[in-house]
């Protein structure tokens, strides 16, 4: 991998290499610590959006592997405002060994990669969230022992996380059903691409406006916030549209008895998910959050360390 901008760009073998390495690095860490695979390496971390999991997991991933991470806050760089995206890439890539960026516009990630001398990792953009979805695959694999043939039901906004899950699931042979309100479905271009991946892996993509239909037979139910950062002006309208898509005990009961519930966090409890579900026996939300650390170690070890 030269860069990690979208799961759509990854081959199936590359995805499995990340997942297997994440498993190995997690096991190694639990035995007492990781080898300093990235000793002497530095990751520059650009943030346009605040973050708990992305910042801490990447920073600790570098530390676990013997490297160093530099946090660059929204006010320090003002990407594309104080200085052009291209110039930031040209300058920062002369100082560090890799760049991770958490941005609003996906075009900014693409431009960083275009002008950077070093690898660029998409820590989140308005189009997708590849590191999150790779970590989700690792968590499901860890819990179920397989990916192929499982069904993931995503309930909520057809947003960046949904896009990445559509790509990730269909790449590895998982069926995926997405239930969103009318007007909030994933964009046709993403669905079309996911269906092309599904045709290769033998999985299925199902898009519906009915959450009950989506979760029937599901091994995993996944949800996300109704209003993402940058959509605050739409929050009031979205709050009227999305309540039927809440992941609550009634909806969970429509899936398989052993269904697992996932959320990429932060959760707006009482909106897209209830406390009863988030803290209940089906929830693997916090295992999912923990695995961001180990999956990102794998990504960094491959991109910066040549593993």
C-alpha atoms as a PDB file:
ATOM      1  CA  UNK A   1       0.000   0.000   0.000  1.00  0.00           C
ATOM      2  CA  UNK A   2       1.391   3.377  -1.000  1.00  0.00           C
ATOM      3  CA  UNK A   3      -1.502   5.191   0.722  1.00  0.00           C
ATOM      4  CA  UNK A   4      -4.714   4.183   2.498  1.00  0.00           C
ATOM      5  CA  UNK A   5      -7.445   6.451   1.168  1.00  0.00           C
ATOM      6  CA  UNK A   6     -10.360   4.032   0.700  1.00  0.00           C
ATOM      7  CA  UNK A   7     -11.051   0.336   1.222  1.00  0.00           C
ATOM      8  CA  UNK A   8     -12.247   0.292  -2.371  1.00  0.00           C
ATOM      9  CA  UNK A   9      -8.586   0.666  -3.366  1.00  0.00           C
ATOM     10  CA  UNK A  10      -7.446  -2.407  -1.422  1.00  0.00           C
ATOM     11  CA  UNK A  11      -7.179  -5.912  -2.783  1.00  0.00           C
ATOM     12  CA  UNK A  12      -8.714  -8.765  -0.807  1.00  0.00           C
ATOM     13  CA  UNK A  13      -5.238 -10.110  -0.003  1.00  0.00           C
ATOM     14  CA  UNK A  14      -4.220  -6.703   1.363  1.00  0.00           C
ATOM     15  CA  UNK A  15      -7.274  -6.604   3.625  1.00  0.00           C
ATOM     16  CA  UNK A  16      -6.533 -10.061   4.988  1.00  0.00           C
ATOM     17  CA  UNK A  17      -2.886  -9.135   5.527  1.00  0.00           C
ATOM     18  CA  UNK A  18      -4.017  -6.183   7.679  1.00  0.00           C
ATOM     19  CA  UNK A  19      -6.460  -8.343   9.655  1.00  0.00           C
ATOM     20  CA  UNK A  20      -3.969 -11.135  10.262  1.00  0.00           C
ATOM     21  CA  UNK A  21      -1.230  -8.723  11.274  1.00  0.00           C
ATOM     22  CA  UNK A  22      -3.643  -6.920  13.622  1.00  0.00           C
ATOM     23  CA  UNK A  23      -4.348 -10.269  15.292  1.00  0.00           C
ATOM     24  CA  UNK A  24      -0.639 -11.041  15.632  1.00  0.00           C
ATOM     25  CA  UNK A  25       0.211  -7.599  16.993  1.00  0.00           C
ATOM     26  CA  UNK A  26      -2.650  -7.717  19.498  1.00  0.00           C
ATOM     27  CA  UNK A  27      -1.538 -11.130  20.741  1.00  0.00           C
ATOM     28  CA  UNK A  28       2.057  -9.935  20.947  1.00  0.00           C
ATOM     29  CA  UNK A  29       1.005  -6.839  22.900  1.00  0.00           C
ATOM     30  CA  UNK A  30      -0.928  -8.910  25.395  1.00  0.00           C
ATOM     31  CA  UNK A  31       2.131 -11.136  25.898  1.00  0.00           C
ATOM     32  CA  UNK A  32       4.120  -8.134  27.067  1.00  0.00           C
ATOM     33  CA  UNK A  33       4.606  -5.648  24.258  1.00  0.00           C
ATOM     34  CA  UNK A  34       5.287  -5.143  20.574  1.00  0.00           C
ATOM     35  CA  UNK A  35       8.613  -5.158  18.807  1.00  0.00           C
ATOM     36  CA  UNK A  36       9.796  -1.611  17.901  1.00  0.00           C
ATOM     37  CA  UNK A  37       9.007  -2.057  14.216  1.00  0.00           C
ATOM     38  CA  UNK A  38       8.738   1.703  13.707  1.00  0.00           C
ATOM     39  CA  UNK A  39      11.712   2.869  15.779  1.00  0.00           C
ATOM     40  CA  UNK A  40      12.898   6.196  14.394  1.00  0.00           C
ATOM     41  CA  UNK A  41       9.668   6.752  12.435  1.00  0.00           C
ATOM     42  CA  UNK A  42       7.369   9.747  12.917  1.00  0.00           C
ATOM     43  CA  UNK A  43       3.701  10.111  11.977  1.00  0.00           C
ATOM     44  CA  UNK A  44       2.277  13.593  11.399  1.00  0.00           C
ATOM     45  CA  UNK A  45      -1.417  13.699  12.376  1.00  0.00           C
ATOM     46  CA  UNK A  46      -3.556  16.442  10.816  1.00  0.00           C
ATOM     47  CA  UNK A  47      -6.948  17.060  12.426  1.00  0.00           C
ATOM     48  CA  UNK A  48      -9.726  19.243  11.046  1.00  0.00           C
ATOM     49  CA  UNK A  49     -12.243  17.430  13.297  1.00  0.00           C
ATOM     50  CA  UNK A  50     -11.833  16.627  16.998  1.00  0.00           C
ATOM     51  CA  UNK A  51     -11.387  13.005  17.957  1.00  0.00           C
ATOM     52  CA  UNK A  52     -10.963  10.642  20.886  1.00  0.00           C
ATOM     53  CA  UNK A  53     -10.442   7.248  19.238  1.00  0.00           C
ATOM     54  CA  UNK A  54      -8.596   8.337  16.090  1.00  0.00           C
ATOM     55  CA  UNK A  55      -6.067  10.508  17.878  1.00  0.00           C
ATOM     56  CA  UNK A  56      -5.342   8.255  20.840  1.00  0.00           C
ATOM     57  CA  UNK A  57      -5.340   4.987  18.888  1.00  0.00           C
ATOM     58  CA  UNK A  58      -2.907   6.292  16.266  1.00  0.00           C
ATOM     59  CA  UNK A  59      -0.693   7.982  18.841  1.00  0.00           C
ATOM     60  CA  UNK A  60      -0.537   4.877  21.025  1.00  0.00           C
ATOM     61  CA  UNK A  61      -0.096   2.627  17.983  1.00  0.00           C
ATOM     62  CA  UNK A  62       3.040   4.552  17.049  1.00  0.00           C
ATOM     63  CA  UNK A  63       4.265   4.392  20.645  1.00  0.00           C
ATOM     64  CA  UNK A  64       3.622   0.642  20.916  1.00  0.00           C
ATOM     65  CA  UNK A  65       5.688   0.117  17.754  1.00  0.00           C
ATOM     66  CA  UNK A  66       8.548   2.345  18.932  1.00  0.00           C
ATOM     67  CA  UNK A  67       7.712   5.390  16.802  1.00  0.00           C
ATOM     68  CA  UNK A  68       6.497   8.894  17.515  1.00  0.00           C
ATOM     69  CA  UNK A  69       3.358  10.836  16.567  1.00  0.00           C
ATOM     70  CA  UNK A  70       2.894  14.596  16.235  1.00  0.00           C
ATOM     71  CA  UNK A  71      -0.621  15.966  16.781  1.00  0.00           C
ATOM     72  CA  UNK A  72      -1.495  18.970  14.616  1.00  0.00           C
ATOM     73  CA  UNK A  73      -4.735  20.556  15.820  1.00  0.00           C
ATOM     74  CA  UNK A  74      -7.340  22.268  13.611  1.00  0.00           C
ATOM     75  CA  UNK A  75      -6.056  25.702  14.654  1.00  0.00           C
ATOM     76  CA  UNK A  76      -2.398  24.966  13.961  1.00  0.00           C
ATOM     77  CA  UNK A  77      -2.633  24.197  10.262  1.00  0.00           C
ATOM     78  CA  UNK A  78      -6.094  25.355   9.122  1.00  0.00           C
ATOM     79  CA  UNK A  79      -5.755  23.026   6.158  1.00  0.00           C
ATOM     80  CA  UNK A  80      -6.666  24.779   2.914  1.00  0.00           C
ATOM     81  CA  UNK A  81      -7.206  28.149   4.608  1.00  0.00           C
ATOM     82  CA  UNK A  82      -3.979  29.384   6.173  1.00  0.00           C
ATOM     83  CA  UNK A  83      -2.028  27.319   3.679  1.00  0.00           C
ATOM     84  CA  UNK A  84      -3.018  25.289   0.639  1.00  0.00           C
ATOM     85  CA  UNK A  85      -3.489  21.525   1.008  1.00  0.00           C
ATOM     86  CA  UNK A  86      -0.791  20.943  -1.607  1.00  0.00           C
ATOM     87  CA  UNK A  87       1.738  23.106   0.233  1.00  0.00           C
ATOM     88  CA  UNK A  88       0.980  21.427   3.565  1.00  0.00           C
ATOM     89  CA  UNK A  89       1.641  18.064   1.907  1.00  0.00           C
ATOM     90  CA  UNK A  90       4.850  19.278   0.275  1.00  0.00           C
ATOM     91  CA  UNK A  91       6.234  20.686   3.530  1.00  0.00           C
ATOM     92  CA  UNK A  92       5.024  18.136   6.099  1.00  0.00           C
ATOM     93  CA  UNK A  93       6.168  15.184   4.018  1.00  0.00           C
ATOM     94  CA  UNK A  94       9.744  16.519   4.206  1.00  0.00           C
ATOM     95  CA  UNK A  95       9.597  16.319   8.001  1.00  0.00           C
ATOM     96  CA  UNK A  96       7.785  13.057   8.771  1.00  0.00           C
ATOM     97  CA  UNK A  97       7.646   9.460   7.544  1.00  0.00           C
ATOM     98  CA  UNK A  98       3.861   9.308   7.168  1.00  0.00           C
ATOM     99  CA  UNK A  99       0.767  11.494   7.375  1.00  0.00           C
ATOM    100  CA  UNK A 100      -2.596  10.635   8.888  1.00  0.00           C
ATOM    101  CA  UNK A 101      -5.372  13.167   8.276  1.00  0.00           C
ATOM    102  CA  UNK A 102      -8.898  13.484   9.662  1.00  0.00           C
ATOM    103  CA  UNK A 103     -10.704  15.937   7.409  1.00  0.00           C
ATOM    104  CA  UNK A 104     -14.069  17.118   6.163  1.00  0.00           C
ATOM    105  CA  UNK A 105     -13.662  16.917   2.365  1.00  0.00           C
ATOM    106  CA  UNK A 106     -12.373  13.692   0.843  1.00  0.00           C
ATOM    107  CA  UNK A 107     -10.782  15.798  -1.898  1.00  0.00           C
ATOM    108  CA  UNK A 108      -8.364  17.125   0.748  1.00  0.00           C
ATOM    109  CA  UNK A 109      -7.159  13.578   1.504  1.00  0.00           C
ATOM    110  CA  UNK A 110      -6.696  12.925  -2.200  1.00  0.00           C
ATOM    111  CA  UNK A 111      -4.763  16.165  -2.622  1.00  0.00           C
ATOM    112  CA  UNK A 112      -2.534  15.409   0.361  1.00  0.00           C
ATOM    113  CA  UNK A 113      -1.685  12.046  -1.195  1.00  0.00           C
ATOM    114  CA  UNK A 114      -1.095  13.605  -4.604  1.00  0.00           C
ATOM    115  CA  UNK A 115       1.548  16.048  -3.335  1.00  0.00           C
ATOM    116  CA  UNK A 116       3.046  14.095  -0.428  1.00  0.00           C
ATOM    117  CA  UNK A 117       6.422  12.378  -0.593  1.00  0.00           C
ATOM    118  CA  UNK A 118       5.324   9.947   2.151  1.00  0.00           C
ATOM    119  CA  UNK A 119       2.313   7.647   2.674  1.00  0.00           C
ATOM    120  CA  UNK A 120      -1.023   9.250   3.572  1.00  0.00           C
ATOM    121  CA  UNK A 121      -3.649   7.509   5.704  1.00  0.00           C
ATOM    122  CA  UNK A 122      -7.288   8.587   5.679  1.00  0.00           C
ATOM    123  CA  UNK A 123      -8.270   8.947   9.351  1.00  0.00           C
ATOM    124  CA  UNK A 124     -11.771  10.007   8.251  1.00  0.00           C
ATOM    125  CA  UNK A 125     -13.297  12.049   5.454  1.00  0.00           C
ATOM    126  CA  UNK A 126     -16.841  12.911   4.423  1.00  0.00           C
ATOM    127  CA  UNK A 127     -16.677  10.064   1.892  1.00  0.00           C
ATOM    128  CA  UNK A 128     -15.346   7.199   3.955  1.00  0.00           C
ATOM    129  CA  UNK A 129     -13.623   5.936   7.112  1.00  0.00           C
ATOM    130  CA  UNK A 130     -11.369   3.041   6.052  1.00  0.00           C
ATOM    131  CA  UNK A 131      -9.481   2.581   9.332  1.00  0.00           C
ATOM    132  CA  UNK A 132     -12.765   2.215  11.201  1.00  0.00           C
ATOM    133  CA  UNK A 133     -14.151  -0.386   8.805  1.00  0.00           C
ATOM    134  CA  UNK A 134     -10.936  -2.418   8.836  1.00  0.00           C
ATOM    135  CA  UNK A 135     -11.062  -2.436  12.628  1.00  0.00           C
ATOM    136  CA  UNK A 136     -14.704  -3.516  12.438  1.00  0.00           C
ATOM    137  CA  UNK A 137     -13.788  -6.452  10.214  1.00  0.00           C
ATOM    138  CA  UNK A 138     -11.061  -7.445  12.664  1.00  0.00           C
ATOM    139  CA  UNK A 139     -13.505  -7.288  15.583  1.00  0.00           C
ATOM    140  CA  UNK A 140     -16.089  -9.437  13.785  1.00  0.00           C
ATOM    141  CA  UNK A 141     -13.404 -11.935  12.785  1.00  0.00           C
ATOM    142  CA  UNK A 142     -12.176 -12.084  16.382  1.00  0.00           C
ATOM    143  CA  UNK A 143     -15.695 -12.703  17.704  1.00  0.00           C
ATOM    144  CA  UNK A 144     -17.013 -15.055  15.021  1.00  0.00           C
ATOM    145  CA  UNK A 145     -13.879 -16.686  13.626  1.00  0.00           C
ATOM    146  CA  UNK A 146     -14.904 -15.928  10.043  1.00  0.00           C
ATOM    147  CA  UNK A 147     -16.269 -13.174   7.812  1.00  0.00           C
ATOM    148  CA  UNK A 148     -17.510 -14.892   4.673  1.00  0.00           C
ATOM    149  CA  UNK A 149     -21.207 -15.730   4.763  1.00  0.00           C
ATOM    150  CA  UNK A 150     -22.084 -13.479   7.703  1.00  0.00           C
ATOM    151  CA  UNK A 151     -24.719 -10.771   7.363  1.00  0.00           C
ATOM    152  CA  UNK A 152     -24.149  -7.215   8.552  1.00  0.00           C
ATOM    153  CA  UNK A 153     -27.149  -4.889   8.838  1.00  0.00           C
ATOM    154  CA  UNK A 154     -26.341  -1.190   8.924  1.00  0.00           C
ATOM    155  CA  UNK A 155     -29.202   0.954  10.249  1.00  0.00           C
ATOM    156  CA  UNK A 156     -29.035   4.735   9.922  1.00  0.00           C
ATOM    157  CA  UNK A 157     -27.543   7.455   7.769  1.00  0.00           C
ATOM    158  CA  UNK A 158     -25.879   6.415   4.517  1.00  0.00           C
ATOM    159  CA  UNK A 159     -22.726   8.256   5.549  1.00  0.00           C
ATOM    160  CA  UNK A 160     -18.954   7.795   5.361  1.00  0.00           C
ATOM    161  CA  UNK A 161     -18.949   4.841   7.783  1.00  0.00           C
ATOM    162  CA  UNK A 162     -21.732   3.173   5.813  1.00  0.00           C
ATOM    163  CA  UNK A 163     -19.737   3.647   2.592  1.00  0.00           C
ATOM    164  CA  UNK A 164     -16.671   1.986   4.056  1.00  0.00           C
ATOM    165  CA  UNK A 165     -18.704  -0.896   5.473  1.00  0.00           C
ATOM    166  CA  UNK A 166     -20.284  -1.470   2.055  1.00  0.00           C
ATOM    167  CA  UNK A 167     -16.819  -1.745   0.508  1.00  0.00           C
ATOM    168  CA  UNK A 168     -15.302  -3.777   3.359  1.00  0.00           C
ATOM    169  CA  UNK A 169     -18.103  -6.307   3.724  1.00  0.00           C
ATOM    170  CA  UNK A 170     -18.418  -7.050   0.032  1.00  0.00           C
ATOM    171  CA  UNK A 171     -14.655  -7.347  -0.436  1.00  0.00           C
ATOM    172  CA  UNK A 172     -14.477 -10.193   2.110  1.00  0.00           C
ATOM    173  CA  UNK A 173     -17.702 -11.994   1.221  1.00  0.00           C
ATOM    174  CA  UNK A 174     -20.075 -10.676   3.869  1.00  0.00           C
ATOM    175  CA  UNK A 175     -23.667  -9.867   2.991  1.00  0.00           C
ATOM    176  CA  UNK A 176     -24.675  -6.324   3.886  1.00  0.00           C
ATOM    177  CA  UNK A 177     -28.125  -4.760   4.241  1.00  0.00           C
ATOM    178  CA  UNK A 178     -28.459  -0.997   4.671  1.00  0.00           C
ATOM    179  CA  UNK A 179     -31.640   0.570   6.045  1.00  0.00           C
ATOM    180  CA  UNK A 180     -31.844   4.351   5.763  1.00  0.00           C
ATOM    181  CA  UNK A 181     -34.686   6.858   5.553  1.00  0.00           C
ATOM    182  CA  UNK A 182     -35.677   8.031   2.099  1.00  0.00           C
ATOM    183  CA  UNK A 183     -33.241  10.662   0.943  1.00  0.00           C
ATOM    184  CA  UNK A 184     -30.501   9.465   3.302  1.00  0.00           C
ATOM    185  CA  UNK A 185     -29.475   6.247   1.523  1.00  0.00           C
ATOM    186  CA  UNK A 186     -25.863   5.649   0.490  1.00  0.00           C
ATOM    187  CA  UNK A 187     -25.129   7.290  -2.857  1.00  0.00           C
ATOM    188  CA  UNK A 188     -25.727   5.149  -5.969  1.00  0.00           C
ATOM    189  CA  UNK A 189     -22.065   5.235  -7.014  1.00  0.00           C
ATOM    190  CA  UNK A 190     -21.005   3.596  -3.743  1.00  0.00           C
ATOM    191  CA  UNK A 191     -23.756   0.973  -3.924  1.00  0.00           C
ATOM    192  CA  UNK A 192     -22.860   0.158  -7.528  1.00  0.00           C
ATOM    193  CA  UNK A 193     -19.184  -0.285  -6.638  1.00  0.00           C
ATOM    194  CA  UNK A 194     -20.067  -2.427  -3.609  1.00  0.00           C
ATOM    195  CA  UNK A 195     -22.252  -4.632  -5.807  1.00  0.00           C
ATOM    196  CA  UNK A 196     -19.341  -5.124  -8.182  1.00  0.00           C
ATOM    197  CA  UNK A 197     -17.199  -6.292  -5.242  1.00  0.00           C
ATOM    198  CA  UNK A 198     -20.055  -8.523  -4.076  1.00  0.00           C
ATOM    199  CA  UNK A 199     -20.238 -10.148  -7.509  1.00  0.00           C
ATOM    200  CA  UNK A 200     -16.587 -11.124  -7.143  1.00  0.00           C
ATOM    201  CA  UNK A 201     -16.863 -12.403  -3.550  1.00  0.00           C
ATOM    202  CA  UNK A 202     -20.270 -14.059  -3.803  1.00  0.00           C
ATOM    203  CA  UNK A 203     -21.949 -11.790  -1.268  1.00  0.00           C
ATOM    204  CA  UNK A 204     -25.083  -9.670  -1.533  1.00  0.00           C
ATOM    205  CA  UNK A 205     -25.967  -5.986  -1.092  1.00  0.00           C
ATOM    206  CA  UNK A 206     -29.481  -5.051  -0.039  1.00  0.00           C
ATOM    207  CA  UNK A 207     -30.677  -1.438   0.280  1.00  0.00           C
ATOM    208  CA  UNK A 208     -34.006  -0.712   1.968  1.00  0.00           C
ATOM    209  CA  UNK A 209     -35.930   1.925   3.901  1.00  0.00           C
ATOM    210  CA  UNK A 210     -37.200  -0.694   6.358  1.00  0.00           C
ATOM    211  CA  UNK A 211     -34.922  -1.366   9.377  1.00  0.00           C
ATOM    212  CA  UNK A 212     -36.859  -4.483  10.395  1.00  0.00           C
ATOM    213  CA  UNK A 213     -36.369  -5.961   6.931  1.00  0.00           C
ATOM    214  CA  UNK A 214     -32.659  -5.157   7.064  1.00  0.00           C
ATOM    215  CA  UNK A 215     -31.936  -6.836  10.416  1.00  0.00           C
ATOM    216  CA  UNK A 216     -33.771 -10.090   9.722  1.00  0.00           C
ATOM    217  CA  UNK A 217     -31.194 -12.881   9.796  1.00  0.00           C
ATOM    218  CA  UNK A 218     -28.418 -10.455  10.693  1.00  0.00           C
ATOM    219  CA  UNK A 219     -25.294 -11.583  12.537  1.00  0.00           C
ATOM    220  CA  UNK A 220     -24.299  -7.960  13.199  1.00  0.00           C
ATOM    221  CA  UNK A 221     -26.343  -4.795  13.601  1.00  0.00           C
ATOM    222  CA  UNK A 222     -24.322  -1.621  13.124  1.00  0.00           C
ATOM    223  CA  UNK A 223     -25.375   1.989  13.656  1.00  0.00           C
ATOM    224  CA  UNK A 224     -23.875   5.479  13.732  1.00  0.00           C
ATOM    225  CA  UNK A 225     -24.924   8.998  14.703  1.00  0.00           C
ATOM    226  CA  UNK A 226     -27.806  10.566  12.833  1.00  0.00           C
ATOM    227  CA  UNK A 227     -25.932  13.849  12.329  1.00  0.00           C
ATOM    228  CA  UNK A 228     -22.211  13.820  11.604  1.00  0.00           C
ATOM    229  CA  UNK A 229     -19.763  16.660  12.227  1.00  0.00           C
ATOM    230  CA  UNK A 230     -20.282  19.274   9.550  1.00  0.00           C
ATOM    231  CA  UNK A 231     -24.023  18.547   9.293  1.00  0.00           C
ATOM    232  CA  UNK A 232     -25.102  20.490  12.385  1.00  0.00           C
ATOM    233  CA  UNK A 233     -27.455  22.701  10.346  1.00  0.00           C
ATOM    234  CA  UNK A 234     -29.443  19.557   9.468  1.00  0.00           C
ATOM    235  CA  UNK A 235     -29.681  18.230  13.030  1.00  0.00           C
ATOM    236  CA  UNK A 236     -33.222  19.420  13.722  1.00  0.00           C
ATOM    237  CA  UNK A 237     -34.611  17.956  10.499  1.00  0.00           C
ATOM    238  CA  UNK A 238     -32.712  14.706  10.942  1.00  0.00           C
ATOM    239  CA  UNK A 239     -34.059  14.357  14.491  1.00  0.00           C
ATOM    240  CA  UNK A 240     -37.562  14.214  12.993  1.00  0.00           C
ATOM    241  CA  UNK A 241     -36.696  11.625  10.323  1.00  0.00           C
ATOM    242  CA  UNK A 242     -34.470   9.092  12.064  1.00  0.00           C
ATOM    243  CA  UNK A 243     -36.299   7.886  15.246  1.00  0.00           C
ATOM    244  CA  UNK A 244     -37.758   4.796  13.469  1.00  0.00           C
ATOM    245  CA  UNK A 245     -34.141   3.764  12.811  1.00  0.00           C
ATOM    246  CA  UNK A 246     -33.115   3.639  16.454  1.00  0.00           C
ATOM    247  CA  UNK A 247     -31.316   0.443  17.444  1.00  0.00           C
ATOM    248  CA  UNK A 248     -33.306  -0.633  20.495  1.00  0.00           C
ATOM    249  CA  UNK A 249     -34.216  -3.934  22.105  1.00  0.00           C
ATOM    250  CA  UNK A 250     -37.280  -4.314  19.872  1.00  0.00           C
ATOM    251  CA  UNK A 251     -35.206  -4.041  16.694  1.00  0.00           C
ATOM    252  CA  UNK A 252     -32.404  -6.255  18.050  1.00  0.00           C
ATOM    253  CA  UNK A 253     -34.979  -8.971  18.770  1.00  0.00           C
ATOM    254  CA  UNK A 254     -35.757  -9.149  15.025  1.00  0.00           C
ATOM    255  CA  UNK A 255     -32.211 -10.332  14.218  1.00  0.00           C
ATOM    256  CA  UNK A 256     -30.516 -13.624  15.069  1.00  0.00           C
ATOM    257  CA  UNK A 257     -30.559 -14.496  18.788  1.00  0.00           C
ATOM    258  CA  UNK A 258     -26.762 -14.245  18.942  1.00  0.00           C
ATOM    259  CA  UNK A 259     -26.572 -10.966  16.996  1.00  0.00           C
ATOM    260  CA  UNK A 260     -23.743  -8.568  17.846  1.00  0.00           C
ATOM    261  CA  UNK A 261     -24.348  -4.804  17.993  1.00  0.00           C
ATOM    262  CA  UNK A 262     -21.676  -2.364  16.826  1.00  0.00           C
ATOM    263  CA  UNK A 263     -21.288   1.421  16.852  1.00  0.00           C
ATOM    264  CA  UNK A 264     -18.198   3.343  15.740  1.00  0.00           C
ATOM    265  CA  UNK A 265     -18.709   5.930  18.526  1.00  0.00           C
ATOM    266  CA  UNK A 266     -19.239   8.544  19.791  1.00  0.00           C
ATOM    267  CA  UNK A 267     -22.793   7.410  20.512  1.00  0.00           C
ATOM    268  CA  UNK A 268     -25.703   9.748  21.077  1.00  0.00           C
ATOM    269  CA  UNK A 269     -27.478   7.511  23.537  1.00  0.00           C
ATOM    270  CA  UNK A 270     -31.232   7.773  23.356  1.00  0.00           C
ATOM    271  CA  UNK A 271     -31.047   8.697  19.679  1.00  0.00           C
ATOM    272  CA  UNK A 272     -29.533   6.105  17.310  1.00  0.00           C
ATOM    273  CA  UNK A 273     -28.997   3.574  20.118  1.00  0.00           C
ATOM    274  CA  UNK A 274     -30.480   2.999  23.562  1.00  0.00           C
ATOM    275  CA  UNK A 275     -28.543   2.462  26.775  1.00  0.00           C
ATOM    276  CA  UNK A 276     -30.180  -0.948  27.090  1.00  0.00           C
ATOM    277  CA  UNK A 277     -28.594  -2.086  23.830  1.00  0.00           C
ATOM    278  CA  UNK A 278     -25.287  -0.208  24.069  1.00  0.00           C
ATOM    279  CA  UNK A 279     -24.601  -1.691  27.503  1.00  0.00           C
ATOM    280  CA  UNK A 280     -26.414  -4.988  26.933  1.00  0.00           C
ATOM    281  CA  UNK A 281     -25.283  -8.534  26.208  1.00  0.00           C
ATOM    282  CA  UNK A 282     -25.302  -8.106  22.420  1.00  0.00           C
ATOM    283  CA  UNK A 283     -23.014  -5.063  22.444  1.00  0.00           C
ATOM    284  CA  UNK A 284     -19.378  -5.334  21.384  1.00  0.00           C
ATOM    285  CA  UNK A 285     -18.988  -1.560  21.058  1.00  0.00           C
ATOM    286  CA  UNK A 286     -16.049  -1.193  23.406  1.00  0.00           C
ATOM    287  CA  UNK A 287     -14.161  -4.225  22.086  1.00  0.00           C
ATOM    288  CA  UNK A 288     -14.655  -2.597  18.700  1.00  0.00           C
ATOM    289  CA  UNK A 289     -13.168   0.676  19.995  1.00  0.00           C
ATOM    290  CA  UNK A 290     -10.179  -1.129  21.535  1.00  0.00           C
ATOM    291  CA  UNK A 291      -9.411  -2.829  18.244  1.00  0.00           C
ATOM    292  CA  UNK A 292      -8.871   0.514  16.527  1.00  0.00           C
ATOM    293  CA  UNK A 293      -5.500   0.484  18.297  1.00  0.00           C
ATOM    294  CA  UNK A 294      -4.388  -2.909  17.073  1.00  0.00           C
ATOM    295  CA  UNK A 295      -5.710  -2.541  13.527  1.00  0.00           C
ATOM    296  CA  UNK A 296      -3.994   0.809  13.173  1.00  0.00           C
ATOM    297  CA  UNK A 297      -0.761  -0.749  14.390  1.00  0.00           C
ATOM    298  CA  UNK A 298      -1.088  -3.207  11.514  1.00  0.00           C
ATOM    299  CA  UNK A 299      -1.769  -0.433   8.990  1.00  0.00           C
ATOM    300  CA  UNK A 300       1.223   1.570  10.221  1.00  0.00           C
ATOM    301  CA  UNK A 301       3.510  -1.460  10.318  1.00  0.00           C
ATOM    302  CA  UNK A 302       2.659  -2.200   6.682  1.00  0.00           C
ATOM    303  CA  UNK A 303       2.740   1.348   5.324  1.00  0.00           C
ATOM    304  CA  UNK A 304       5.692   2.678   7.334  1.00  0.00           C
ATOM    305  CA  UNK A 305       7.505  -0.507   8.286  1.00  0.00           C
ATOM    306  CA  UNK A 306       7.155  -2.656   5.200  1.00  0.00           C
ATOM    307  CA  UNK A 307       5.629  -5.586   7.076  1.00  0.00           C
END
